[in-house]
Amino acid sequence: YAEWLGMDKETEADLWWIAKDGLSVSLPAPWKTCEAGSEIFYFNPETGASVWDHPCDKHFKTLLATERQKKAEAKSAAAEPVVQGQEASKDAEDPPEPKEESNQSGDEALKPKEEDNKGGNEALKPKE
């Protein structure tokens, strides 16, 4: 059944549980097992549909494809280099906007105040 699903027994041994589950799954209601000579098919008396493959086979093929995709994504994520200092999450918040320290605008905010020059620091005193 694993081969029928398309599994590779060498590289996908970790996914064999899908094949095991597929082999042991019950036939869902209202499906019935029927025989045509030596062949088995499945018949749904409510819809009149008949199929050669088990009605749940499509589910297990889809499950296999989903699990393969998960493995590929995990392998890809493990191979991506992590840059130190960068957020790994897409949902990381943007840093807050800087707060204004002064009520002044434009060039006025850049000029030193006279009281800033009091304190003995000669480099800050205006030249005469």
Foldseek 3Di string as FASTA:
>chain_A
DCVVLVHDCVPVVVVCVLVVCVVPDDQDPPKDWDDDPPAIWIAHVVVRDIGRDRPCSVVSSVVVVVVVVVVVVVVVVVPDDDDPPDDPDPPDDDDDDDDDPDPDDDCVVVDDDPVVPPDPDPVPDDDD
